[in-house]
Amino acid sequence: MLGCSVRTLSRAARAATGKGTREVINDRRLLEARRLLGHDQWTARAVAAHLGFTDTANFGRFFHHHVGLTPAAYTAHRAALDS
């Protein structure tokens, strides 16, 4: 879709950010997940679907692995900070 090989994309990502393609994508997905979970109208299920996860549980494991909190715990923590 981007008109380049996977290898070319990987080299460009590493040259621009010092990170591999997968890490750049994961960082962006986490940023978007944190942003969306900070809004009351977004559930973990809706965020997971929006970010392309086929299963809410997979999103929960991904989020917990990278953030250290479940999406629900993160939402509660954000709500407590905003109060």
PDB file of N, CA and C in Angstrom:
ATOM      1  N   MET A   1       0.813  -1.198   0.000  1.00  0.00           N
ATOM      2  CA  MET A   1       0.000   0.000   0.000  1.00  0.00           C
ATOM      3  C   MET A   1       0.860   1.267   0.000  1.00  0.00           C
ATOM      4  N   LEU A   2       2.028   1.207   0.624  1.00  0.00           N
ATOM      5  CA  LEU A   2       2.878   2.387   0.694  1.00  0.00           C
ATOM      6  C   LEU A   2       3.822   2.506  -0.497  1.00  0.00           C
ATOM      7  N   GLY A   3       3.850   1.465  -1.324  1.00  0.00           N
ATOM      8  CA  GLY A   3       4.699   1.521  -2.502  1.00  0.00           C
ATOM      9  C   GLY A   3       6.163   1.257  -2.210  1.00  0.00           C
ATOM     10  N   CYS A   4       6.455   0.550  -1.125  1.00  0.00           N
ATOM     11  CA  CYS A   4       7.834   0.195  -0.817  1.00  0.00           C
ATOM     12  C   CYS A   4       7.849  -1.175  -0.147  1.00  0.00           C
ATOM     13  N   SER A   5       9.002  -1.763  -0.099  1.00  0.00           N
ATOM     14  CA  SER A   5       9.120  -3.079   0.516  1.00  0.00           C
ATOM     15  C   SER A   5       9.109  -2.954   2.045  1.00  0.00           C
ATOM     16  N   VAL A   6       8.880  -4.060   2.695  1.00  0.00           N
ATOM     17  CA  VAL A   6       8.909  -4.089   4.163  1.00  0.00           C
ATOM     18  C   VAL A   6      10.291  -3.681   4.658  1.00  0.00           C
ATOM     19  N   ARG A   7      11.310  -4.160   3.986  1.00  0.00           N
ATOM     20  CA  ARG A   7      12.684  -3.828   4.379  1.00  0.00           C
ATOM     21  C   ARG A   7      12.950  -2.326   4.265  1.00  0.00           C
ATOM     22  N   THR A   8      12.499  -1.716   3.177  1.00  0.00           N
ATOM     23  CA  THR A   8      12.682  -0.276   2.987  1.00  0.00           C
ATOM     24  C   THR A   8      11.940   0.506   4.064  1.00  0.00           C
ATOM     25  N   LEU A   9      10.714   0.087   4.363  1.00  0.00           N
ATOM     26  CA  LEU A   9       9.946   0.752   5.415  1.00  0.00           C
ATOM     27  C   LEU A   9      10.638   0.605   6.769  1.00  0.00           C
ATOM     28  N   SER A  10      11.146  -0.586   7.061  1.00  0.00           N
ATOM     29  CA  SER A  10      11.841  -0.817   8.328  1.00  0.00           C
ATOM     30  C   SER A  10      13.080   0.061   8.445  1.00  0.00           C
ATOM     31  N   ARG A  11      13.848   0.138   7.370  1.00  0.00           N
ATOM     32  CA  ARG A  11      15.048   0.992   7.400  1.00  0.00           C
ATOM     33  C   ARG A  11      14.681   2.460   7.576  1.00  0.00           C
ATOM     34  N   ALA A  12      13.626   2.904   6.915  1.00  0.00           N
ATOM     35  CA  ALA A  12      13.207   4.300   7.035  1.00  0.00           C
ATOM     36  C   ALA A  12      12.720   4.606   8.450  1.00  0.00           C
ATOM     37  N   ALA A  13      11.957   3.693   9.034  1.00  0.00           N
ATOM     38  CA  ALA A  13      11.472   3.898  10.407  1.00  0.00           C
ATOM     39  C   ALA A  13      12.640   3.960  11.377  1.00  0.00           C
ATOM     40  N   ARG A  14      13.586   3.039  11.228  1.00  0.00           N
ATOM     41  CA  ARG A  14      14.737   3.018  12.137  1.00  0.00           C
ATOM     42  C   ARG A  14      15.591   4.269  11.959  1.00  0.00           C
ATOM     43  N   ALA A  15      15.765   4.718  10.733  1.00  0.00           N
ATOM     44  CA  ALA A  15      16.571   5.920  10.489  1.00  0.00           C
ATOM     45  C   ALA A  15      15.893   7.164  11.078  1.00  0.00           C
ATOM     46  N   ALA A  16      14.571   7.227  10.978  1.00  0.00           N
ATOM     47  CA  ALA A  16      13.847   8.411  11.446  1.00  0.00           C
ATOM     48  C   ALA A  16      13.634   8.434  12.948  1.00  0.00           C
ATOM     49  N   THR A  17      13.430   7.253  13.556  1.00  0.00           N
ATOM     50  CA  THR A  17      13.039   7.220  14.966  1.00  0.00           C
ATOM     51  C   THR A  17      13.985   6.432  15.861  1.00  0.00           C
ATOM     52  N   GLY A  18      14.838   5.613  15.266  1.00  0.00           N
ATOM     53  CA  GLY A  18      15.686   4.729  16.057  1.00  0.00           C
ATOM     54  C   GLY A  18      14.943   3.493  16.541  1.00  0.00           C
ATOM     55  N   LYS A  19      13.716   3.314  16.070  1.00  0.00           N
ATOM     56  CA  LYS A  19      12.876   2.188  16.469  1.00  0.00           C
ATOM     57  C   LYS A  19      12.466   1.401  15.239  1.00  0.00           C
ATOM     58  N   GLY A  20      12.143   0.129  15.456  1.00  0.00           N
ATOM     59  CA  GLY A  20      11.632  -0.695  14.375  1.00  0.00           C
ATOM     60  C   GLY A  20      10.196  -0.322  14.042  1.00  0.00           C
ATOM     61  N   THR A  21       9.735  -0.813  12.907  1.00  0.00           N
ATOM     62  CA  THR A  21       8.389  -0.499  12.442  1.00  0.00           C
ATOM     63  C   THR A  21       7.332  -0.919  13.447  1.00  0.00           C
ATOM     64  N   ARG A  22       7.434  -2.141  13.966  1.00  0.00           N
ATOM     65  CA  ARG A  22       6.441  -2.648  14.923  1.00  0.00           C
ATOM     66  C   ARG A  22       6.397  -1.760  16.171  1.00  0.00           C
ATOM     67  N   GLU A  23       7.549  -1.330  16.653  1.00  0.00           N
ATOM     68  CA  GLU A  23       7.599  -0.477  17.835  1.00  0.00           C
ATOM     69  C   GLU A  23       6.959   0.891  17.569  1.00  0.00           C
ATOM     70  N   VAL A  24       7.186   1.437  16.392  1.00  0.00           N
ATOM     71  CA  VAL A  24       6.570   2.718  16.019  1.00  0.00           C
ATOM     72  C   VAL A  24       5.046   2.565  15.992  1.00  0.00           C
ATOM     73  N   ILE A  25       4.572   1.480  15.386  1.00  0.00           N
ATOM     74  CA  ILE A  25       3.134   1.231  15.316  1.00  0.00           C
ATOM     75  C   ILE A  25       2.558   1.035  16.713  1.00  0.00           C
ATOM     76  N   ASN A  26       3.211   0.231  17.542  1.00  0.00           N
ATOM     77  CA  ASN A  26       2.725  -0.003  18.907  1.00  0.00           C
ATOM     78  C   ASN A  26       2.696   1.284  19.725  1.00  0.00           C
ATOM     79  N   ASP A  27       3.722   2.106  19.582  1.00  0.00           N
ATOM     80  CA  ASP A  27       3.747   3.390  20.301  1.00  0.00           C
ATOM     81  C   ASP A  27       2.554   4.252  19.907  1.00  0.00           C
ATOM     82  N   ARG A  28       2.254   4.286  18.625  1.00  0.00           N
ATOM     83  CA  ARG A  28       1.131   5.104  18.145  1.00  0.00           C
ATOM     84  C   ARG A  28      -0.200   4.553  18.622  1.00  0.00           C
ATOM     85  N   ARG A  29      -0.342   3.213  18.600  1.00  0.00           N
ATOM     86  CA  ARG A  29      -1.578   2.590  19.085  1.00  0.00           C
ATOM     87  C   ARG A  29      -1.767   2.871  20.580  1.00  0.00           C
ATOM     88  N   LEU A  30      -0.685   2.811  21.355  1.00  0.00           N
ATOM     89  CA  LEU A  30      -0.788   3.096  22.788  1.00  0.00           C
ATOM     90  C   LEU A  30      -1.152   4.554  23.042  1.00  0.00           C
ATOM     91  N   LEU A  31      -0.568   5.450  22.302  1.00  0.00           N
ATOM     92  CA  LEU A  31      -0.893   6.867  22.452  1.00  0.00           C
ATOM     93  C   LEU A  31      -2.375   7.105  22.191  1.00  0.00           C
ATOM     94  N   GLU A  32      -2.878   6.508  21.108  1.00  0.00           N
ATOM     95  CA  GLU A  32      -4.289   6.668  20.760  1.00  0.00           C
ATOM     96  C   GLU A  32      -5.186   5.987  21.796  1.00  0.00           C
ATOM     97  N   ALA A  33      -4.785   4.822  22.283  1.00  0.00           N
ATOM     98  CA  ALA A  33      -5.575   4.110  23.300  1.00  0.00           C
ATOM     99  C   ALA A  33      -5.674   4.944  24.574  1.00  0.00           C
ATOM    100  N   ARG A  34      -4.565   5.505  25.014  1.00  0.00           N
ATOM    101  CA  ARG A  34      -4.589   6.348  26.222  1.00  0.00           C
ATOM    102  C   ARG A  34      -5.492   7.557  26.030  1.00  0.00           C
ATOM    103  N   ARG A  35      -5.403   8.166  24.874  1.00  0.00           N
ATOM    104  CA  ARG A  35      -6.229   9.344  24.585  1.00  0.00           C
ATOM    105  C   ARG A  35      -7.708   8.985  24.609  1.00  0.00           C
ATOM    106  N   LEU A  36      -8.077   7.905  23.947  1.00  0.00           N
ATOM    107  CA  LEU A  36      -9.481   7.516  23.866  1.00  0.00           C
ATOM    108  C   LEU A  36     -10.020   7.037  25.211  1.00  0.00           C
ATOM    109  N   LEU A  37      -9.206   6.304  25.965  1.00  0.00           N
ATOM    110  CA  LEU A  37      -9.667   5.812  27.272  1.00  0.00           C
ATOM    111  C   LEU A  37      -9.870   6.955  28.266  1.00  0.00           C
ATOM    112  N   GLY A  38      -9.336   8.113  27.969  1.00  0.00           N
ATOM    113  CA  GLY A  38      -9.530   9.280  28.816  1.00  0.00           C
ATOM    114  C   GLY A  38     -10.877   9.953  28.622  1.00  0.00           C
ATOM    115  N   HIS A  39     -11.652   9.494  27.640  1.00  0.00           N
ATOM    116  CA  HIS A  39     -12.970  10.052  27.368  1.00  0.00           C
ATOM    117  C   HIS A  39     -14.040   9.076  27.829  1.00  0.00           C
ATOM    118  N   ASP A  40     -15.057   9.575  28.498  1.00  0.00           N
ATOM    119  CA  ASP A  40     -16.116   8.725  29.049  1.00  0.00           C
ATOM    120  C   ASP A  40     -16.849   7.899  27.999  1.00  0.00           C
ATOM    121  N   GLN A  41     -16.996   8.425  26.802  1.00  0.00           N
ATOM    122  CA  GLN A  41     -17.805   7.728  25.799  1.00  0.00           C
ATOM    123  C   GLN A  41     -17.089   6.543  25.156  1.00  0.00           C
ATOM    124  N   TRP A  42     -15.811   6.351  25.406  1.00  0.00           N
ATOM    125  CA  TRP A  42     -15.057   5.255  24.809  1.00  0.00           C
ATOM    126  C   TRP A  42     -14.877   4.123  25.811  1.00  0.00           C
ATOM    127  N   THR A  43     -15.386   2.955  25.474  1.00  0.00           N
ATOM    128  CA  THR A  43     -15.162   1.761  26.290  1.00  0.00           C
ATOM    129  C   THR A  43     -13.911   1.057  25.768  1.00  0.00           C
ATOM    130  N   ALA A  44     -13.391   0.135  26.574  1.00  0.00           N
ATOM    131  CA  ALA A  44     -12.234  -0.644  26.137  1.00  0.00           C
ATOM    132  C   ALA A  44     -12.579  -1.430  24.875  1.00  0.00           C
ATOM    133  N   ARG A  45     -13.790  -1.943  24.793  1.00  0.00           N
ATOM    134  CA  ARG A  45     -14.222  -2.698  23.612  1.00  0.00           C
ATOM    135  C   ARG A  45     -14.214  -1.800  22.370  1.00  0.00           C
ATOM    136  N   ALA A  46     -14.705  -0.577  22.507  1.00  0.00           N
ATOM    137  CA  ALA A  46     -14.742   0.352  21.377  1.00  0.00           C
ATOM    138  C   ALA A  46     -13.330   0.768  20.965  1.00  0.00           C
ATOM    139  N   VAL A  47     -12.470   1.010  21.935  1.00  0.00           N
ATOM    140  CA  VAL A  47     -11.080   1.382  21.643  1.00  0.00           C
ATOM    141  C   VAL A  47     -10.379   0.232  20.925  1.00  0.00           C
ATOM    142  N   ALA A  48     -10.569  -0.987  21.425  1.00  0.00           N
ATOM    143  CA  ALA A  48      -9.950  -2.163  20.803  1.00  0.00           C
ATOM    144  C   ALA A  48     -10.368  -2.284  19.343  1.00  0.00           C
ATOM    145  N   ALA A  49     -11.652  -2.152  19.076  1.00  0.00           N
ATOM    146  CA  ALA A  49     -12.147  -2.243  17.702  1.00  0.00           C
ATOM    147  C   ALA A  49     -11.594  -1.109  16.843  1.00  0.00           C
ATOM    148  N   HIS A  50     -11.575   0.088  17.386  1.00  0.00           N
ATOM    149  CA  HIS A  50     -11.078   1.256  16.657  1.00  0.00           C
ATOM    150  C   HIS A  50      -9.609   1.093  16.267  1.00  0.00           C
ATOM    151  N   LEU A  51      -8.829   0.466  17.139  1.00  0.00           N
ATOM    152  CA  LEU A  51      -7.398   0.300  16.890  1.00  0.00           C
ATOM    153  C   LEU A  51      -7.066  -0.970  16.117  1.00  0.00           C
ATOM    154  N   GLY A  52      -8.089  -1.720  15.723  1.00  0.00           N
ATOM    155  CA  GLY A  52      -7.859  -2.882  14.872  1.00  0.00           C
ATOM    156  C   GLY A  52      -7.630  -4.193  15.577  1.00  0.00           C
ATOM    157  N   PHE A  53      -7.877  -4.245  16.878  1.00  0.00           N
ATOM    158  CA  PHE A  53      -7.750  -5.503  17.603  1.00  0.00           C
ATOM    159  C   PHE A  53      -8.999  -6.336  17.328  1.00  0.00           C
ATOM    160  N   THR A  54      -8.818  -7.606  17.027  1.00  0.00           N
ATOM    161  CA  THR A  54      -9.947  -8.476  16.726  1.00  0.00           C
ATOM    162  C   THR A  54     -10.655  -8.946  17.979  1.00  0.00           C
ATOM    163  N   ASP A  55     -10.008  -8.822  19.119  1.00  0.00           N
ATOM    164  CA  ASP A  55     -10.568  -9.302  20.377  1.00  0.00           C
ATOM    165  C   ASP A  55     -10.216  -8.316  21.492  1.00  0.00           C
ATOM    166  N   THR A  56     -11.182  -8.007  22.325  1.00  0.00           N
ATOM    167  CA  THR A  56     -10.948  -7.081  23.440  1.00  0.00           C
ATOM    168  C   THR A  56      -9.896  -7.614  24.398  1.00  0.00           C
ATOM    169  N   ALA A  57      -9.871  -8.928  24.591  1.00  0.00           N
ATOM    170  CA  ALA A  57      -8.882  -9.530  25.494  1.00  0.00           C
ATOM    171  C   ALA A  57      -7.461  -9.325  24.972  1.00  0.00           C
ATOM    172  N   ASN A  58      -7.278  -9.428  23.663  1.00  0.00           N
ATOM    173  CA  ASN A  58      -5.952  -9.172  23.083  1.00  0.00           C
ATOM    174  C   ASN A  58      -5.531  -7.728  23.322  1.00  0.00           C
ATOM    175  N   PHE A  59      -6.466  -6.810  23.162  1.00  0.00           N
ATOM    176  CA  PHE A  59      -6.168  -5.409  23.440  1.00  0.00           C
ATOM    177  C   PHE A  59      -5.801  -5.223  24.907  1.00  0.00           C
ATOM    178  N   GLY A  60      -6.556  -5.865  25.794  1.00  0.00           N
ATOM    179  CA  GLY A  60      -6.271  -5.757  27.230  1.00  0.00           C
ATOM    180  C   GLY A  60      -4.877  -6.256  27.574  1.00  0.00           C
ATOM    181  N   ARG A  61      -4.474  -7.387  27.004  1.00  0.00           N
ATOM    182  CA  ARG A  61      -3.126  -7.927  27.254  1.00  0.00           C
ATOM    183  C   ARG A  61      -2.055  -7.000  26.690  1.00  0.00           C
ATOM    184  N   PHE A  62      -2.286  -6.502  25.474  1.00  0.00           N
ATOM    185  CA  PHE A  62      -1.348  -5.571  24.839  1.00  0.00           C
ATOM    186  C   PHE A  62      -1.182  -4.317  25.699  1.00  0.00           C
ATOM    187  N   PHE A  63      -2.303  -3.749  26.121  1.00  0.00           N
ATOM    188  CA  PHE A  63      -2.275  -2.522  26.914  1.00  0.00           C
ATOM    189  C   PHE A  63      -1.585  -2.767  28.254  1.00  0.00           C
ATOM    190  N   HIS A  64      -1.945  -3.851  28.932  1.00  0.00           N
ATOM    191  CA  HIS A  64      -1.355  -4.163  30.238  1.00  0.00           C
ATOM    192  C   HIS A  64       0.145  -4.404  30.114  1.00  0.00           C
ATOM    193  N   HIS A  65       0.559  -5.089  29.069  1.00  0.00           N
ATOM    194  CA  HIS A  65       1.984  -5.368  28.860  1.00  0.00           C
ATOM    195  C   HIS A  65       2.788  -4.073  28.712  1.00  0.00           C
ATOM    196  N   HIS A  66       2.251  -3.115  28.003  1.00  0.00           N
ATOM    197  CA  HIS A  66       2.989  -1.881  27.715  1.00  0.00           C
ATOM    198  C   HIS A  66       2.792  -0.783  28.762  1.00  0.00           C
ATOM    199  N   VAL A  67       1.635  -0.744  29.403  1.00  0.00           N
ATOM    200  CA  VAL A  67       1.329   0.349  30.336  1.00  0.00           C
ATOM    201  C   VAL A  67       1.464  -0.097  31.790  1.00  0.00           C
ATOM    202  N   GLY A  68       1.230  -1.382  32.039  1.00  0.00           N
ATOM    203  CA  GLY A  68       1.305  -1.885  33.411  1.00  0.00           C
ATOM    204  C   GLY A  68      -0.027  -1.846  34.128  1.00  0.00           C
ATOM    205  N   LEU A  69      -1.064  -1.403  33.441  1.00  0.00           N
ATOM    206  CA  LEU A  69      -2.422  -1.351  33.989  1.00  0.00           C
ATOM    207  C   LEU A  69      -3.381  -1.919  32.951  1.00  0.00           C
ATOM    208  N   THR A  70      -4.484  -2.478  33.420  1.00  0.00           N
ATOM    209  CA  THR A  70      -5.533  -2.875  32.488  1.00  0.00           C
ATOM    210  C   THR A  70      -6.203  -1.607  31.963  1.00  0.00           C
ATOM    211  N   PRO A  71      -6.902  -1.698  30.846  1.00  0.00           N
ATOM    212  CA  PRO A  71      -7.613  -0.509  30.362  1.00  0.00           C
ATOM    213  C   PRO A  71      -8.593   0.050  31.403  1.00  0.00           C
ATOM    214  N   ALA A  72      -9.282  -0.824  32.139  1.00  0.00           N
ATOM    215  CA  ALA A  72     -10.224  -0.364  33.168  1.00  0.00           C
ATOM    216  C   ALA A  72      -9.492   0.345  34.300  1.00  0.00           C
ATOM    217  N   ALA A  73      -8.377  -0.209  34.737  1.00  0.00           N
ATOM    218  CA  ALA A  73      -7.595   0.419  35.814  1.00  0.00           C
ATOM    219  C   ALA A  73      -7.025   1.758  35.342  1.00  0.00           C
ATOM    220  N   TYR A  74      -6.590   1.813  34.096  1.00  0.00           N
ATOM    221  CA  TYR A  74      -6.067   3.064  33.555  1.00  0.00           C
ATOM    222  C   TYR A  74      -7.155   4.135  33.517  1.00  0.00           C
ATOM    223  N   THR A  75      -8.350   3.748  33.086  1.00  0.00           N
ATOM    224  CA  THR A  75      -9.485   4.678  33.034  1.00  0.00           C
ATOM    225  C   THR A  75      -9.829   5.190  34.416  1.00  0.00           C
ATOM    226  N   ALA A  76      -9.844   4.287  35.408  1.00  0.00           N
ATOM    227  CA  ALA A  76     -10.145   4.686  36.786  1.00  0.00           C
ATOM    228  C   ALA A  76      -9.059   5.605  37.332  1.00  0.00           C
ATOM    229  N   HIS A  77      -7.811   5.309  37.022  1.00  0.00           N
ATOM    230  CA  HIS A  77      -6.694   6.131  37.474  1.00  0.00           C
ATOM    231  C   HIS A  77      -6.803   7.532  36.874  1.00  0.00           C
ATOM    232  N   ARG A  78      -7.109   7.601  35.577  1.00  0.00           N
ATOM    233  CA  ARG A  78      -7.274   8.909  34.919  1.00  0.00           C
ATOM    234  C   ARG A  78      -8.424   9.700  35.523  1.00  0.00           C
ATOM    235  N   ALA A  79      -9.525   9.012  35.831  1.00  0.00           N
ATOM    236  CA  ALA A  79     -10.685   9.679  36.415  1.00  0.00           C
ATOM    237  C   ALA A  79     -10.341  10.232  37.793  1.00  0.00           C
ATOM    238  N   ALA A  80      -9.563   9.472  38.564  1.00  0.00           N
ATOM    239  CA  ALA A  80      -9.164   9.930  39.896  1.00  0.00           C
ATOM    240  C   ALA A  80      -8.263  11.158  39.808  1.00  0.00           C
ATOM    241  N   LEU A  81      -7.392  11.192  38.799  1.00  0.00           N
ATOM    242  CA  LEU A  81      -6.497  12.341  38.637  1.00  0.00           C
ATOM    243  C   LEU A  81      -7.261  13.587  38.196  1.00  0.00           C
ATOM    244  N   ASP A  82      -8.313  13.383  37.410  1.00  0.00           N
ATOM    245  CA  ASP A  82      -9.097  14.505  36.909  1.00  0.00           C
ATOM    246  C   ASP A  82     -10.035  15.096  37.965  1.00  0.00           C
ATOM    247  N   SER A  83     -10.288  14.358  39.042  1.00  0.00           N
ATOM    248  CA  SER A  83     -11.223  14.846  40.072  1.00  0.00           C
ATOM    249  C   SER A  83     -10.555  15.806  41.011  1.00  0.00           C
TER     250      SER A  83
END
